[in-house]
Amino acid sequence: MPAPYEIFVLVKQVPDQGSKAGLNPDGTIDRAKAKRMLNPFDRYALQAALHTKKCYGGRVTAISMGPPPAVEILMEALEHGVDRGVLLSDRRLAASDTLATAYALFKTVTWVGRFDLIFCGLQTTDGDTAQVGPQLAERLGLPQITYCQDFKVEDDKVHAERIIEGGYQKLISELPVLITVANSYHPLDYKSFRGAWRVQQLLRNQEEQKKYIQTVDLDLVGADPERCGLKGSPTIVAATEKVGEIGGNCSMHEGHSPTDLVSEVLDASKLKEFLTV
C-alpha cells in the first residue's frame, strides 16, 4: 500500500464572467470593480485532486496567487474537501504575465514542500493562454500531461487519457507529475456539509483560520521581485479597445419553403444586392 499522496491543486480567482470589469489604462483588467469567482476551468482540477484523495489517499493543498480577496476561493476549496490552502499575495505581483506567474508559483510550490501530483485547470477565463501549467512543469522539471480527460493511479504511476484531435492518447507517467485537467473531466461535486460547517467556524475565528489557510509573500517564498509583476513580464499589451455591448435585434422567419426563407433573410440583412445567382 503506497504512502498517502501529497496533492497540490492550483486555483485562481477571476472576474465573474457576468460582471462588467472594464480595463485599466495599461490594458490590464480592472479587477477592483469586478465581481469575483473561482476560475471555471479550475473546478475540474479541484475535482481531480479530491478524487485522487478519495480513491488513493492523501492530503490536498490548494495554492492560489492573487490579492487578499482571493482567500475566498481557498475557503470555497475547503468547503469542497481540500485540507489546507496557501495564498501568495503581494502587490509586486500585479500585472504578471504567464512567465512571471509561473515563476512566482514555482517558488511557492517549492516552498510549500513535497508533492506527488499537481493539478491545474486547462486555462483561465481572464487570460485564456493555457500556458501557466506547462511553464510551471518545465520550471519544476516535471513530466506533464496536458488536456487530461481521465486518469487513474496504480503503483505510483499515473495512467491517463489525453485529448488530441480526433481522439485521445493513453499515457503513463511516473510520479511526481503535473496534470492540466480538461473540462471534459467530471464536474466538481457539491460542497460537503462538513466542509461548509468547518468554513463557517473558521470565518468566526481568525486564529483558527490561519491553521488552514496561510498567506505568504514573495520574500517568504524566496522569489526575486524583479522577475515578478510588470518588471518580470516580457509580454506587452500594445493596445486595447472596447468591442461593444452584447445584444442586438433578432427577427424570426418561419412557415415558408427553404427557398423563400433564404430570400427573406437576405432581404432583411441587406445582403441580396451583393449576391448573384
C-alpha atoms as a PDB file:
ATOM      1  CA  MET A   1       0.000   0.000   0.000  1.00  0.00           C
ATOM      2  CA  PRO A   2       1.626   3.295  -1.109  1.00  0.00           C
ATOM      3  CA  ALA A   3       2.010   6.131   1.367  1.00  0.00           C
ATOM      4  CA  PRO A   4      -0.695   8.836   1.239  1.00  0.00           C
ATOM      5  CA  TYR A   5      -0.078  11.212  -1.641  1.00  0.00           C
ATOM      6  CA  GLU A   6       0.685  14.911  -1.331  1.00  0.00           C
ATOM      7  CA  ILE A   7      -1.646  16.505  -3.856  1.00  0.00           C
ATOM      8  CA  PHE A   8      -1.452  20.161  -4.923  1.00  0.00           C
ATOM      9  CA  VAL A   9      -4.138  21.918  -6.945  1.00  0.00           C
ATOM     10  CA  LEU A  10      -3.675  25.405  -8.380  1.00  0.00           C
ATOM     11  CA  VAL A  11      -6.750  27.615  -8.354  1.00  0.00           C
ATOM     12  CA  LYS A  12      -7.314  31.209  -9.364  1.00  0.00           C
ATOM     13  CA  GLN A  13      -9.869  33.883  -8.608  1.00  0.00           C
ATOM     14  CA  VAL A  14     -11.054  35.546 -11.824  1.00  0.00           C
ATOM     15  CA  PRO A  15     -13.582  38.262 -12.673  1.00  0.00           C
ATOM     16  CA  ASP A  16     -17.125  36.937 -12.829  1.00  0.00           C
ATOM     17  CA  GLN A  17     -17.997  36.453 -16.493  1.00  0.00           C
ATOM     18  CA  GLY A  18     -21.335  38.125 -15.913  1.00  0.00           C
ATOM     19  CA  SER A  19     -19.840  41.324 -14.483  1.00  0.00           C
ATOM     20  CA  LYS A  20     -18.527  44.389 -16.300  1.00  0.00           C
ATOM     21  CA  ALA A  21     -14.954  44.699 -15.099  1.00  0.00           C
ATOM     22  CA  GLY A  22     -13.538  47.263 -17.501  1.00  0.00           C
ATOM     23  CA  LEU A  23      -9.873  47.918 -18.247  1.00  0.00           C
ATOM     24  CA  ASN A  24      -7.125  49.952 -16.644  1.00  0.00           C
ATOM     25  CA  PRO A  25      -5.165  52.454 -18.772  1.00  0.00           C
ATOM     26  CA  ASP A  26      -2.309  49.931 -19.141  1.00  0.00           C
ATOM     27  CA  GLY A  27      -4.652  47.353 -20.696  1.00  0.00           C
ATOM     28  CA  THR A  28      -4.980  45.129 -17.624  1.00  0.00           C
ATOM     29  CA  ILE A  29      -8.351  44.107 -16.189  1.00  0.00           C
ATOM     30  CA  ASP A  30      -9.757  46.431 -13.543  1.00  0.00           C
ATOM     31  CA  ARG A  31     -10.317  43.647 -11.018  1.00  0.00           C
ATOM     32  CA  ALA A  32     -11.325  46.008  -8.214  1.00  0.00           C
ATOM     33  CA  LYS A  33     -14.623  46.770  -9.978  1.00  0.00           C
ATOM     34  CA  ALA A  34     -15.465  43.204 -10.971  1.00  0.00           C
ATOM     35  CA  LYS A  35     -17.317  40.535  -9.060  1.00  0.00           C
ATOM     36  CA  ARG A  36     -15.122  37.547  -8.304  1.00  0.00           C
ATOM     37  CA  MET A  37     -15.412  33.807  -8.847  1.00  0.00           C
ATOM     38  CA  LEU A  38     -13.377  30.597  -8.932  1.00  0.00           C
ATOM     39  CA  ASN A  39     -11.972  30.084 -12.418  1.00  0.00           C
ATOM     40  CA  PRO A  40     -14.427  27.632 -14.080  1.00  0.00           C
ATOM     41  CA  PHE A  41     -11.616  25.517 -15.553  1.00  0.00           C
ATOM     42  CA  ASP A  42     -10.079  25.099 -12.097  1.00  0.00           C
ATOM     43  CA  ARG A  43     -13.236  23.397 -10.874  1.00  0.00           C
ATOM     44  CA  TYR A  44     -12.244  20.321 -12.903  1.00  0.00           C
ATOM     45  CA  ALA A  45      -8.726  20.367 -11.485  1.00  0.00           C
ATOM     46  CA  LEU A  46     -10.174  20.634  -7.990  1.00  0.00           C
ATOM     47  CA  GLN A  47     -12.412  17.639  -8.653  1.00  0.00           C
ATOM     48  CA  ALA A  48      -9.430  15.632  -9.942  1.00  0.00           C
ATOM     49  CA  ALA A  49      -7.439  16.431  -6.787  1.00  0.00           C
ATOM     50  CA  LEU A  50     -10.307  15.481  -4.481  1.00  0.00           C
ATOM     51  CA  HIS A  51     -10.962  12.309  -6.476  1.00  0.00           C
ATOM     52  CA  THR A  52      -7.314  11.313  -6.058  1.00  0.00           C
ATOM     53  CA  LYS A  53      -7.540  11.882  -2.310  1.00  0.00           C
ATOM     54  CA  LYS A  54     -10.764   9.882  -2.022  1.00  0.00           C
ATOM     55  CA  CYS A  55      -9.626   6.915  -4.122  1.00  0.00           C
ATOM     56  CA  TYR A  56      -5.928   6.686  -3.298  1.00  0.00           C
ATOM     57  CA  GLY A  57      -5.466   8.556  -0.034  1.00  0.00           C
ATOM     58  CA  GLY A  58      -3.539  11.698   0.697  1.00  0.00           C
ATOM     59  CA  ARG A  59      -3.790  15.381   1.510  1.00  0.00           C
ATOM     60  CA  VAL A  60      -4.915  18.135  -0.855  1.00  0.00           C
ATOM     61  CA  THR A  61      -3.340  21.593  -0.719  1.00  0.00           C
ATOM     62  CA  ALA A  62      -4.924  24.361  -2.788  1.00  0.00           C
ATOM     63  CA  ILE A  63      -2.491  27.065  -3.911  1.00  0.00           C
ATOM     64  CA  SER A  64      -3.529  30.410  -5.332  1.00  0.00           C
ATOM     65  CA  MET A  65      -1.869  33.657  -6.342  1.00  0.00           C
ATOM     66  CA  GLY A  66      -3.754  36.922  -6.117  1.00  0.00           C
ATOM     67  CA  PRO A  67      -4.808  39.868  -3.960  1.00  0.00           C
ATOM     68  CA  PRO A  68      -6.107  39.293  -0.399  1.00  0.00           C
ATOM     69  CA  PRO A  69      -9.747  38.707  -1.504  1.00  0.00           C
ATOM     70  CA  ALA A  70      -8.551  35.558  -3.305  1.00  0.00           C
ATOM     71  CA  VAL A  71      -8.754  33.859   0.085  1.00  0.00           C
ATOM     72  CA  GLU A  72     -12.452  33.462  -0.785  1.00  0.00           C
ATOM     73  CA  ILE A  73     -11.764  30.733  -3.323  1.00  0.00           C
ATOM     74  CA  LEU A  74      -9.483  28.921  -0.880  1.00  0.00           C
ATOM     75  CA  MET A  75     -12.387  28.951   1.568  1.00  0.00           C
ATOM     76  CA  GLU A  76     -14.563  27.554  -1.194  1.00  0.00           C
ATOM     77  CA  ALA A  77     -11.999  24.831  -1.843  1.00  0.00           C
ATOM     78  CA  LEU A  78     -12.059  23.939   1.867  1.00  0.00           C
ATOM     79  CA  GLU A  79     -15.834  23.589   1.647  1.00  0.00           C
ATOM     80  CA  HIS A  80     -15.372  21.033  -1.106  1.00  0.00           C
ATOM     81  CA  GLY A  81     -12.927  18.968   0.943  1.00  0.00           C
ATOM     82  CA  VAL A  82      -9.457  20.464   0.486  1.00  0.00           C
ATOM     83  CA  ASP A  83      -7.292  20.092   3.581  1.00  0.00           C
ATOM     84  CA  ARG A  84      -5.427  23.383   3.518  1.00  0.00           C
ATOM     85  CA  GLY A  85      -4.789  26.456   1.376  1.00  0.00           C
ATOM     86  CA  VAL A  86      -1.834  28.712   0.583  1.00  0.00           C
ATOM     87  CA  LEU A  87      -2.299  32.184  -0.882  1.00  0.00           C
ATOM     88  CA  LEU A  88       0.615  34.021  -2.489  1.00  0.00           C
ATOM     89  CA  SER A  89      -0.337  37.670  -2.204  1.00  0.00           C
ATOM     90  CA  ASP A  90       1.987  40.580  -2.881  1.00  0.00           C
ATOM     91  CA  ARG A  91       1.464  43.965  -4.563  1.00  0.00           C
ATOM     92  CA  ARG A  92       4.631  43.374  -6.575  1.00  0.00           C
ATOM     93  CA  LEU A  93       2.826  40.564  -8.439  1.00  0.00           C
ATOM     94  CA  ALA A  94       0.368  42.959 -10.089  1.00  0.00           C
ATOM     95  CA  ALA A  95       0.106  42.612 -13.895  1.00  0.00           C
ATOM     96  CA  SER A  96       2.214  39.431 -14.051  1.00  0.00           C
ATOM     97  CA  ASP A  97       2.084  37.659 -17.407  1.00  0.00           C
ATOM     98  CA  THR A  98       2.333  33.880 -17.760  1.00  0.00           C
ATOM     99  CA  LEU A  99       6.129  33.853 -17.447  1.00  0.00           C
ATOM    100  CA  ALA A 100       6.136  35.872 -14.214  1.00  0.00           C
ATOM    101  CA  THR A 101       3.136  33.967 -12.854  1.00  0.00           C
ATOM    102  CA  ALA A 102       4.730  30.567 -13.491  1.00  0.00           C
ATOM    103  CA  TYR A 103       7.935  31.739 -11.800  1.00  0.00           C
ATOM    104  CA  ALA A 104       6.096  33.007  -8.708  1.00  0.00           C
ATOM    105  CA  LEU A 105       4.049  29.809  -8.457  1.00  0.00           C
ATOM    106  CA  PHE A 106       7.203  27.731  -8.911  1.00  0.00           C
ATOM    107  CA  LYS A 107       8.772  29.436  -5.903  1.00  0.00           C
ATOM    108  CA  THR A 108       5.565  28.982  -3.908  1.00  0.00           C
ATOM    109  CA  VAL A 109       5.166  25.293  -4.758  1.00  0.00           C
ATOM    110  CA  THR A 110       8.766  24.516  -3.814  1.00  0.00           C
ATOM    111  CA  TRP A 111       8.338  26.496  -0.581  1.00  0.00           C
ATOM    112  CA  VAL A 112       5.182  24.572   0.378  1.00  0.00           C
ATOM    113  CA  GLY A 113       7.066  21.280   0.222  1.00  0.00           C
ATOM    114  CA  ARG A 114       6.947  17.757  -1.152  1.00  0.00           C
ATOM    115  CA  PHE A 115       4.275  16.805  -3.665  1.00  0.00           C
ATOM    116  CA  ASP A 116       3.336  13.802  -5.777  1.00  0.00           C
ATOM    117  CA  LEU A 117       0.733  15.271  -8.092  1.00  0.00           C
ATOM    118  CA  ILE A 118      -0.036  18.829  -9.175  1.00  0.00           C
ATOM    119  CA  PHE A 119      -3.371  19.523 -10.846  1.00  0.00           C
ATOM    120  CA  CYS A 120      -4.074  22.692 -12.838  1.00  0.00           C
ATOM    121  CA  GLY A 121      -7.062  23.906 -14.783  1.00  0.00           C
ATOM    122  CA  LEU A 122      -6.681  23.875 -18.535  1.00  0.00           C
ATOM    123  CA  GLN A 123      -6.641  27.686 -18.713  1.00  0.00           C
ATOM    124  CA  THR A 124      -8.238  30.740 -17.102  1.00  0.00           C
ATOM    125  CA  THR A 125     -11.137  32.813 -18.345  1.00  0.00           C
ATOM    126  CA  ASP A 126      -9.252  36.089 -17.843  1.00  0.00           C
ATOM    127  CA  GLY A 127      -6.064  35.110 -19.689  1.00  0.00           C
ATOM    128  CA  ASP A 128      -7.080  32.128 -21.841  1.00  0.00           C
ATOM    129  CA  THR A 129      -3.459  31.212 -22.613  1.00  0.00           C
ATOM    130  CA  ALA A 130      -3.219  27.651 -21.172  1.00  0.00           C
ATOM    131  CA  GLN A 131       0.494  28.332 -20.583  1.00  0.00           C
ATOM    132  CA  VAL A 132       0.975  28.581 -16.816  1.00  0.00           C
ATOM    133  CA  GLY A 133       0.571  24.861 -16.085  1.00  0.00           C
ATOM    134  CA  PRO A 134       3.108  23.725 -18.707  1.00  0.00           C
ATOM    135  CA  GLN A 135       5.533  26.525 -17.775  1.00  0.00           C
ATOM    136  CA  LEU A 136       5.321  25.522 -14.110  1.00  0.00           C
ATOM    137  CA  ALA A 137       6.035  21.880 -15.004  1.00  0.00           C
ATOM    138  CA  GLU A 138       9.071  22.985 -17.007  1.00  0.00           C
ATOM    139  CA  ARG A 139      10.445  25.018 -14.108  1.00  0.00           C
ATOM    140  CA  LEU A 140       9.886  22.132 -11.698  1.00  0.00           C
ATOM    141  CA  GLY A 141      11.485  19.654 -14.107  1.00  0.00           C
ATOM    142  CA  LEU A 142       8.339  17.516 -14.086  1.00  0.00           C
ATOM    143  CA  PRO A 143       6.708  15.342 -16.738  1.00  0.00           C
ATOM    144  CA  GLN A 144       3.395  16.885 -17.711  1.00  0.00           C
ATOM    145  CA  ILE A 145       0.114  15.540 -19.044  1.00  0.00           C
ATOM    146  CA  THR A 146      -1.975  18.283 -20.636  1.00  0.00           C
ATOM    147  CA  TYR A 147      -5.629  18.156 -21.745  1.00  0.00           C
ATOM    148  CA  CYS A 148      -6.198  15.173 -19.448  1.00  0.00           C
ATOM    149  CA  GLN A 149      -9.782  13.924 -19.528  1.00  0.00           C
ATOM    150  CA  ASP A 150      -9.409  10.877 -17.271  1.00  0.00           C
ATOM    151  CA  PHE A 151      -6.774   9.100 -15.205  1.00  0.00           C
ATOM    152  CA  LYS A 152      -6.064   6.528 -12.527  1.00  0.00           C
ATOM    153  CA  VAL A 153      -3.109   5.943 -10.212  1.00  0.00           C
ATOM    154  CA  GLU A 154      -1.537   2.493  -9.974  1.00  0.00           C
ATOM    155  CA  ASP A 155       1.800   1.519  -8.409  1.00  0.00           C
ATOM    156  CA  ASP A 156       2.841   5.165  -8.100  1.00  0.00           C
ATOM    157  CA  LYS A 157       2.194   5.762 -11.799  1.00  0.00           C
ATOM    158  CA  VAL A 158      -0.484   7.816 -13.493  1.00  0.00           C
ATOM    159  CA  HIS A 159      -2.359   6.181 -16.373  1.00  0.00           C
ATOM    160  CA  ALA A 160      -4.036   8.998 -18.262  1.00  0.00           C
ATOM    161  CA  GLU A 161      -6.148   9.780 -21.311  1.00  0.00           C
ATOM    162  CA  ARG A 162      -5.043  12.952 -23.073  1.00  0.00           C
ATOM    163  CA  ILE A 163      -7.309  14.634 -25.611  1.00  0.00           C
ATOM    164  CA  ILE A 164      -5.904  15.027 -29.123  1.00  0.00           C
ATOM    165  CA  GLU A 165      -7.555  15.883 -32.401  1.00  0.00           C
ATOM    166  CA  GLY A 166      -9.809  13.034 -33.406  1.00  0.00           C
ATOM    167  CA  GLY A 167      -9.468  11.013 -30.205  1.00  0.00           C
ATOM    168  CA  TYR A 168      -7.160  10.596 -27.236  1.00  0.00           C
ATOM    169  CA  GLN A 169      -3.721   9.334 -26.251  1.00  0.00           C
ATOM    170  CA  LYS A 170      -3.058   6.845 -23.471  1.00  0.00           C
ATOM    171  CA  LEU A 171      -0.060   7.924 -21.414  1.00  0.00           C
ATOM    172  CA  ILE A 172       1.751   6.536 -18.372  1.00  0.00           C
ATOM    173  CA  SER A 173       3.884   8.761 -16.163  1.00  0.00           C
ATOM    174  CA  GLU A 174       5.928   8.198 -13.042  1.00  0.00           C
ATOM    175  CA  LEU A 175       5.233  10.386 -10.033  1.00  0.00           C
ATOM    176  CA  PRO A 176       5.639  13.271  -9.420  1.00  0.00           C
ATOM    177  CA  VAL A 177       3.738  14.704 -12.383  1.00  0.00           C
ATOM    178  CA  LEU A 178       1.804  17.832 -13.316  1.00  0.00           C
ATOM    179  CA  ILE A 179      -1.602  17.372 -14.961  1.00  0.00           C
ATOM    180  CA  THR A 180      -3.782  20.009 -16.624  1.00  0.00           C
ATOM    181  CA  VAL A 181      -7.370  18.815 -16.489  1.00  0.00           C
ATOM    182  CA  ALA A 182      -9.704  19.254 -19.449  1.00  0.00           C
ATOM    183  CA  ASN A 183     -13.290  20.390 -18.977  1.00  0.00           C
ATOM    184  CA  SER A 184     -14.475  17.017 -20.276  1.00  0.00           C
ATOM    185  CA  TYR A 185     -13.425  15.576 -16.904  1.00  0.00           C
ATOM    186  CA  HIS A 186     -16.032  15.008 -14.182  1.00  0.00           C
ATOM    187  CA  PRO A 187     -17.688  18.193 -12.896  1.00  0.00           C
ATOM    188  CA  LEU A 188     -16.984  19.357  -9.370  1.00  0.00           C
ATOM    189  CA  ASP A 189     -19.087  17.632  -6.712  1.00  0.00           C
ATOM    190  CA  TYR A 190     -21.298  19.629  -4.385  1.00  0.00           C
ATOM    191  CA  LYS A 191     -19.782  21.110  -1.253  1.00  0.00           C
ATOM    192  CA  SER A 192     -19.895  18.799   1.726  1.00  0.00           C
ATOM    193  CA  PHE A 193     -21.887  19.691   4.836  1.00  0.00           C
ATOM    194  CA  ARG A 194     -18.814  19.024   6.944  1.00  0.00           C
ATOM    195  CA  GLY A 195     -16.682  21.326   4.778  1.00  0.00           C
ATOM    196  CA  ALA A 196     -19.248  24.122   4.810  1.00  0.00           C
ATOM    197  CA  TRP A 197     -19.601  23.862   8.598  1.00  0.00           C
ATOM    198  CA  ARG A 198     -15.827  23.964   9.046  1.00  0.00           C
ATOM    199  CA  VAL A 199     -15.508  27.111   6.933  1.00  0.00           C
ATOM    200  CA  GLN A 200     -18.265  28.828   8.900  1.00  0.00           C
ATOM    201  CA  GLN A 201     -16.312  28.124  12.074  1.00  0.00           C
ATOM    202  CA  LEU A 202     -13.119  29.481  10.508  1.00  0.00           C
ATOM    203  CA  LEU A 203     -14.856  32.702   9.479  1.00  0.00           C
ATOM    204  CA  ARG A 204     -15.689  33.306  13.138  1.00  0.00           C
ATOM    205  CA  ASN A 205     -12.174  32.557  14.377  1.00  0.00           C
ATOM    206  CA  GLN A 206      -9.293  34.273  12.595  1.00  0.00           C
ATOM    207  CA  GLU A 207      -6.638  32.462  14.625  1.00  0.00           C
ATOM    208  CA  GLU A 208      -8.114  29.068  13.751  1.00  0.00           C
ATOM    209  CA  GLN A 209      -8.351  30.145  10.100  1.00  0.00           C
ATOM    210  CA  LYS A 210      -4.572  30.598   9.980  1.00  0.00           C
ATOM    211  CA  LYS A 211      -4.138  26.882  10.703  1.00  0.00           C
ATOM    212  CA  TYR A 212      -5.861  26.016   7.428  1.00  0.00           C
ATOM    213  CA  ILE A 213      -5.068  28.962   5.142  1.00  0.00           C
ATOM    214  CA  GLN A 214      -1.647  30.581   5.088  1.00  0.00           C
ATOM    215  CA  THR A 215      -0.901  33.829   3.269  1.00  0.00           C
ATOM    216  CA  VAL A 216       2.668  34.271   2.046  1.00  0.00           C
ATOM    217  CA  ASP A 217       4.531  36.929   0.079  1.00  0.00           C
ATOM    218  CA  LEU A 218       7.456  36.984  -2.347  1.00  0.00           C
ATOM    219  CA  ASP A 219      10.039  37.442   0.374  1.00  0.00           C
ATOM    220  CA  LEU A 220       8.812  34.449   2.356  1.00  0.00           C
ATOM    221  CA  VAL A 221       8.855  32.057  -0.630  1.00  0.00           C
ATOM    222  CA  GLY A 222      12.220  33.390  -1.804  1.00  0.00           C
ATOM    223  CA  ALA A 223      11.081  34.870  -5.114  1.00  0.00           C
ATOM    224  CA  ASP A 224      13.007  37.640  -6.869  1.00  0.00           C
ATOM    225  CA  PRO A 225      10.666  40.678  -7.188  1.00  0.00           C
ATOM    226  CA  GLU A 226      12.480  41.700 -10.374  1.00  0.00           C
ATOM    227  CA  ARG A 227      11.109  38.559 -12.047  1.00  0.00           C
ATOM    228  CA  CYS A 228       7.509  39.228 -10.981  1.00  0.00           C
ATOM    229  CA  GLY A 229       4.798  41.693 -11.904  1.00  0.00           C
ATOM    230  CA  LEU A 230       5.358  44.109 -14.770  1.00  0.00           C
ATOM    231  CA  LYS A 231       9.125  44.041 -14.233  1.00  0.00           C
ATOM    232  CA  GLY A 232       9.288  40.315 -14.897  1.00  0.00           C
ATOM    233  CA  SER A 233       6.708  40.245 -17.687  1.00  0.00           C
ATOM    234  CA  PRO A 234       8.061  40.481 -21.238  1.00  0.00           C
ATOM    235  CA  THR A 235       4.517  40.434 -22.639  1.00  0.00           C
ATOM    236  CA  ILE A 236       3.443  43.907 -23.768  1.00  0.00           C
ATOM    237  CA  VAL A 237      -0.176  44.926 -24.355  1.00  0.00           C
ATOM    238  CA  ALA A 238       0.116  47.118 -27.427  1.00  0.00           C
ATOM    239  CA  ALA A 239      -3.477  48.352 -27.417  1.00  0.00           C
ATOM    240  CA  THR A 240      -6.935  47.568 -26.126  1.00  0.00           C
ATOM    241  CA  GLU A 241     -10.338  48.549 -27.398  1.00  0.00           C
ATOM    242  CA  LYS A 242     -13.940  48.047 -26.405  1.00  0.00           C
ATOM    243  CA  VAL A 243     -15.724  45.754 -28.833  1.00  0.00           C
ATOM    244  CA  GLY A 244     -19.230  46.836 -27.875  1.00  0.00           C
ATOM    245  CA  GLU A 245     -22.045  45.582 -25.746  1.00  0.00           C
ATOM    246  CA  ILE A 246     -23.526  42.122 -26.158  1.00  0.00           C
ATOM    247  CA  GLY A 247     -27.006  42.265 -27.667  1.00  0.00           C
ATOM    248  CA  GLY A 248     -28.844  43.291 -30.805  1.00  0.00           C
ATOM    249  CA  ASN A 249     -32.108  42.703 -32.592  1.00  0.00           C
ATOM    250  CA  CYS A 250     -33.448  39.363 -33.737  1.00  0.00           C
ATOM    251  CA  SER A 251     -36.179  38.503 -36.216  1.00  0.00           C
ATOM    252  CA  MET A 252     -37.758  35.104 -36.799  1.00  0.00           C
ATOM    253  CA  HIS A 253     -38.594  33.712 -40.237  1.00  0.00           C
ATOM    254  CA  GLU A 254     -40.719  30.583 -40.407  1.00  0.00           C
ATOM    255  CA  GLY A 255     -43.612  28.881 -42.148  1.00  0.00           C
ATOM    256  CA  HIS A 256     -42.278  29.046 -45.708  1.00  0.00           C
ATOM    257  CA  SER A 257     -40.207  26.910 -48.022  1.00  0.00           C
ATOM    258  CA  PRO A 258     -36.413  26.942 -47.549  1.00  0.00           C
ATOM    259  CA  THR A 259     -36.050  28.983 -50.754  1.00  0.00           C
ATOM    260  CA  ASP A 260     -38.483  31.639 -49.520  1.00  0.00           C
ATOM    261  CA  LEU A 261     -36.853  31.707 -46.080  1.00  0.00           C
ATOM    262  CA  VAL A 262     -33.398  32.278 -47.557  1.00  0.00           C
ATOM    263  CA  SER A 263     -34.771  35.096 -49.695  1.00  0.00           C
ATOM    264  CA  GLU A 264     -36.429  36.713 -46.692  1.00  0.00           C
ATOM    265  CA  VAL A 265     -33.258  36.517 -44.610  1.00  0.00           C
ATOM    266  CA  LEU A 266     -31.164  38.031 -47.391  1.00  0.00           C
ATOM    267  CA  ASP A 267     -33.659  40.856 -47.837  1.00  0.00           C
ATOM    268  CA  ALA A 268     -33.708  41.534 -44.095  1.00  0.00           C
ATOM    269  CA  SER A 269     -29.922  41.555 -43.852  1.00  0.00           C
ATOM    270  CA  LYS A 270     -29.491  43.748 -46.950  1.00  0.00           C
ATOM    271  CA  LEU A 271     -27.052  41.271 -48.470  1.00  0.00           C
ATOM    272  CA  LYS A 272     -29.076  40.316 -51.506  1.00  0.00           C
ATOM    273  CA  GLU A 273     -27.721  43.158 -53.631  1.00  0.00           C
ATOM    274  CA  PHE A 274     -24.182  41.775 -53.195  1.00  0.00           C
ATOM    275  CA  LEU A 275     -25.034  38.227 -54.286  1.00  0.00           C
ATOM    276  CA  THR A 276     -25.614  36.883 -57.766  1.00  0.00           C
ATOM    277  CA  VAL A 277     -27.261  33.587 -58.674  1.00  0.00           C
END
